[in-house]
Amino acid sequence: MTSDAAHESTALDSTALESTEERLRSAGLKVTAPRLAVLDAFPAEPVHLSAEELYARVAPALPSTSLQAVYGVLAALVASGLLRKIEPAGSAARYEKRIGDNHHHLICRGCNAIEDVDCVVGEAPCLTPSDTHGYRLQSAEVTFWGLCSSCQAALAE
């Protein structure tokens, strides 16, 4: 199985085979309208959304919700393992549904686009530090910074 096929299988296993309600219950969370709305606001393809972007997506369906409520929902979903939070330097935190693997990210310095990159080794933690100081390593976060092809083309014009 290629890494792309493995990623697709992981993504399908965690989202398509269970309803949003079942995923919340399996994670030990109560099923609430805000939690359902936030999880359902993520499209099928991998994206990295800010709290503000998620709020804009759920507010039409939940007019009584607030940005602060969305932050609370996101904190619960991250703590339960249903979402992953990444915090790129100099940018708002982003949230994604791709969980359960140790993938990394490419971030464009020009437009702040974010792309997933599979782990270069294939298993967590992908990197081994020179000294673990007695820690049992579970994951490593790697962020690659550069310019996406669109920003490169704009600079070349």
Protein backbone atom coordinates (compact mmCIF):
# COMPACT_ATOMS: atom_id res chain seq x y z
CA MET A 1 0.00 0.00 0.00
CA THR A 2 1.49 3.37 -0.97
CA SER A 3 1.65 6.18 1.57
CA ASP A 4 -1.10 8.01 -0.36
CA ALA A 5 -3.29 4.92 -0.25
CA ALA A 6 -2.53 4.49 3.46
CA HIS A 7 -3.47 8.14 4.08
CA GLU A 8 -6.72 7.72 2.15
CA SER A 9 -7.50 4.55 4.08
CA THR A 10 -6.81 6.29 7.41
CA ALA A 11 -8.95 9.24 6.41
CA LEU A 12 -11.80 6.97 5.36
CA ASP A 13 -11.54 4.88 8.50
CA SER A 14 -11.83 7.91 10.76
CA THR A 15 -14.57 9.81 8.94
CA ALA A 16 -16.61 7.92 6.36
CA LEU A 17 -17.29 4.78 8.33
CA GLU A 18 -18.73 6.52 11.39
CA SER A 19 -21.30 9.26 11.67
CA THR A 20 -20.30 12.48 13.36
CA GLU A 21 -22.50 11.57 16.31
CA GLU A 22 -20.78 8.19 16.69
CA ARG A 23 -17.35 9.81 16.52
CA LEU A 24 -18.30 12.22 19.32
CA ARG A 25 -19.72 9.45 21.50
CA SER A 26 -16.69 7.20 20.84
CA ALA A 27 -14.45 10.03 22.02
CA GLY A 28 -16.45 10.34 25.24
CA LEU A 29 -18.07 13.64 24.28
CA LYS A 30 -21.72 14.64 24.44
CA VAL A 31 -23.36 15.20 21.09
CA THR A 32 -24.18 18.91 20.84
CA ALA A 33 -25.21 21.09 17.92
CA PRO A 34 -22.01 23.20 18.06
CA ARG A 35 -19.76 20.11 18.10
CA LEU A 36 -21.68 18.56 15.21
CA ALA A 37 -21.55 21.81 13.25
CA VAL A 38 -17.80 22.29 13.75
CA LEU A 39 -16.92 18.72 12.76
CA ASP A 40 -19.27 18.83 9.79
CA ALA A 41 -17.76 22.17 8.68
CA PHE A 42 -14.64 20.34 7.53
CA PRO A 43 -14.83 19.22 3.90
CA ALA A 44 -13.82 15.69 2.89
CA GLU A 45 -10.45 16.80 1.50
CA PRO A 46 -7.71 17.72 3.99
CA VAL A 47 -7.84 21.37 5.04
CA HIS A 48 -6.35 23.44 7.82
CA LEU A 49 -8.96 25.86 9.14
CA SER A 50 -8.66 28.63 11.71
CA ALA A 51 -11.24 29.13 14.45
CA GLU A 52 -12.43 32.23 12.61
CA GLU A 53 -12.92 30.28 9.37
CA LEU A 54 -14.84 27.58 11.23
CA TYR A 55 -16.99 30.19 12.97
CA ALA A 56 -17.87 31.70 9.58
CA ARG A 57 -18.90 28.23 8.36
CA VAL A 58 -21.08 27.34 11.38
CA ALA A 59 -22.62 30.74 12.20
CA PRO A 60 -25.32 30.61 9.48
CA ALA A 61 -26.66 27.32 10.88
CA LEU A 62 -26.12 28.34 14.52
CA PRO A 63 -26.84 32.07 14.70
CA SER A 64 -26.70 32.08 18.50
CA THR A 65 -23.14 30.73 18.59
CA SER A 66 -20.07 32.86 19.17
CA LEU A 67 -16.42 32.73 18.22
CA GLN A 68 -15.63 31.99 21.87
CA ALA A 69 -18.01 29.01 21.77
CA VAL A 70 -16.23 27.71 18.66
CA TYR A 71 -12.89 27.98 20.50
CA GLY A 72 -14.39 25.95 23.36
CA VAL A 73 -15.65 23.30 20.95
CA LEU A 74 -12.26 23.15 19.23
CA ALA A 75 -10.47 22.70 22.57
CA ALA A 76 -12.75 19.77 23.44
CA LEU A 77 -12.35 18.18 20.00
CA VAL A 78 -8.55 18.49 20.13
CA ALA A 79 -8.38 17.14 23.71
CA SER A 80 -10.52 14.15 22.71
CA GLY A 81 -8.36 13.41 19.66
CA LEU A 82 -11.01 14.16 17.03
CA LEU A 83 -9.08 17.13 15.63
CA ARG A 84 -5.43 18.09 15.46
CA LYS A 85 -4.26 21.62 16.21
CA ILE A 86 -1.21 23.04 14.51
CA GLU A 87 0.31 26.37 15.43
CA PRO A 88 2.45 27.77 12.62
CA ALA A 89 4.81 30.52 13.77
CA GLY A 90 3.35 33.95 13.09
CA SER A 91 -0.07 32.60 12.15
CA ALA A 92 -3.36 31.73 13.80
CA ALA A 93 -3.75 28.17 15.04
CA ARG A 94 -5.21 25.82 12.45
CA TYR A 95 -7.29 22.71 12.93
CA GLU A 96 -7.51 19.59 10.80
CA LYS A 97 -9.37 16.29 10.76
CA ARG A 98 -6.35 14.25 9.67
CA ILE A 99 -5.40 12.52 12.90
CA GLY A 100 -3.88 9.21 13.84
CA ASP A 101 -0.66 9.58 11.90
CA ASN A 102 2.48 11.63 12.29
CA HIS A 103 2.28 13.74 9.13
CA HIS A 104 3.97 17.09 8.77
CA HIS A 105 3.19 20.36 7.00
CA LEU A 106 4.44 22.57 4.19
CA ILE A 107 3.61 26.26 4.70
CA CYS A 108 3.99 28.97 2.10
CA ARG A 109 5.65 32.14 3.37
CA GLY A 110 3.86 34.12 0.67
CA CYS A 111 0.19 33.16 0.96
CA ASN A 112 0.20 30.98 4.11
CA ALA A 113 -1.18 27.95 2.23
CA ILE A 114 -0.70 24.73 4.19
CA GLU A 115 -0.25 21.26 2.70
CA ASP A 116 0.13 17.90 4.43
CA VAL A 117 3.35 15.93 3.95
CA ASP A 118 3.55 12.30 4.94
CA CYS A 119 6.20 11.35 7.46
CA VAL A 120 9.55 10.86 5.76
CA VAL A 121 10.22 7.65 7.71
CA GLY A 122 6.68 6.36 7.97
CA GLU A 123 6.21 5.84 11.69
CA ALA A 124 6.07 8.13 14.68
CA PRO A 125 8.15 9.92 15.74
CA CYS A 126 9.86 10.21 12.31
CA LEU A 127 12.85 11.93 13.87
CA THR A 128 15.18 10.80 16.62
CA PRO A 129 16.81 13.53 18.72
CA SER A 130 20.42 13.19 19.82
CA ASP A 131 19.26 12.90 23.46
CA THR A 132 15.74 11.95 24.62
CA HIS A 133 16.44 12.88 28.28
CA GLY A 134 14.50 9.77 29.26
CA TYR A 135 11.34 10.69 27.36
CA ARG A 136 9.39 8.01 25.49
CA LEU A 137 8.83 9.77 22.17
CA GLN A 138 5.38 9.67 20.65
CA SER A 139 5.46 12.18 17.81
CA ALA A 140 7.51 14.86 16.13
CA GLU A 141 6.22 18.01 14.51
CA VAL A 142 8.04 19.21 11.45
CA THR A 143 7.08 22.30 9.50
CA PHE A 144 8.65 22.97 6.14
CA TRP A 145 8.57 26.64 5.08
CA GLY A 146 8.93 27.91 1.54
CA LEU A 147 7.02 29.36 -1.40
CA CYS A 148 4.20 27.48 -3.11
CA SER A 149 4.21 27.25 -6.92
CA SER A 150 1.64 30.08 -7.25
CA CYS A 151 3.73 32.48 -5.17
CA GLN A 152 6.88 31.46 -7.06
CA ALA A 153 5.12 32.20 -10.36
CA ALA A 154 3.92 35.59 -9.06
CA LEU A 155 7.48 36.52 -8.09
CA ALA A 156 8.78 35.49 -11.52
CA GLU A 157 6.37 37.86 -13.33
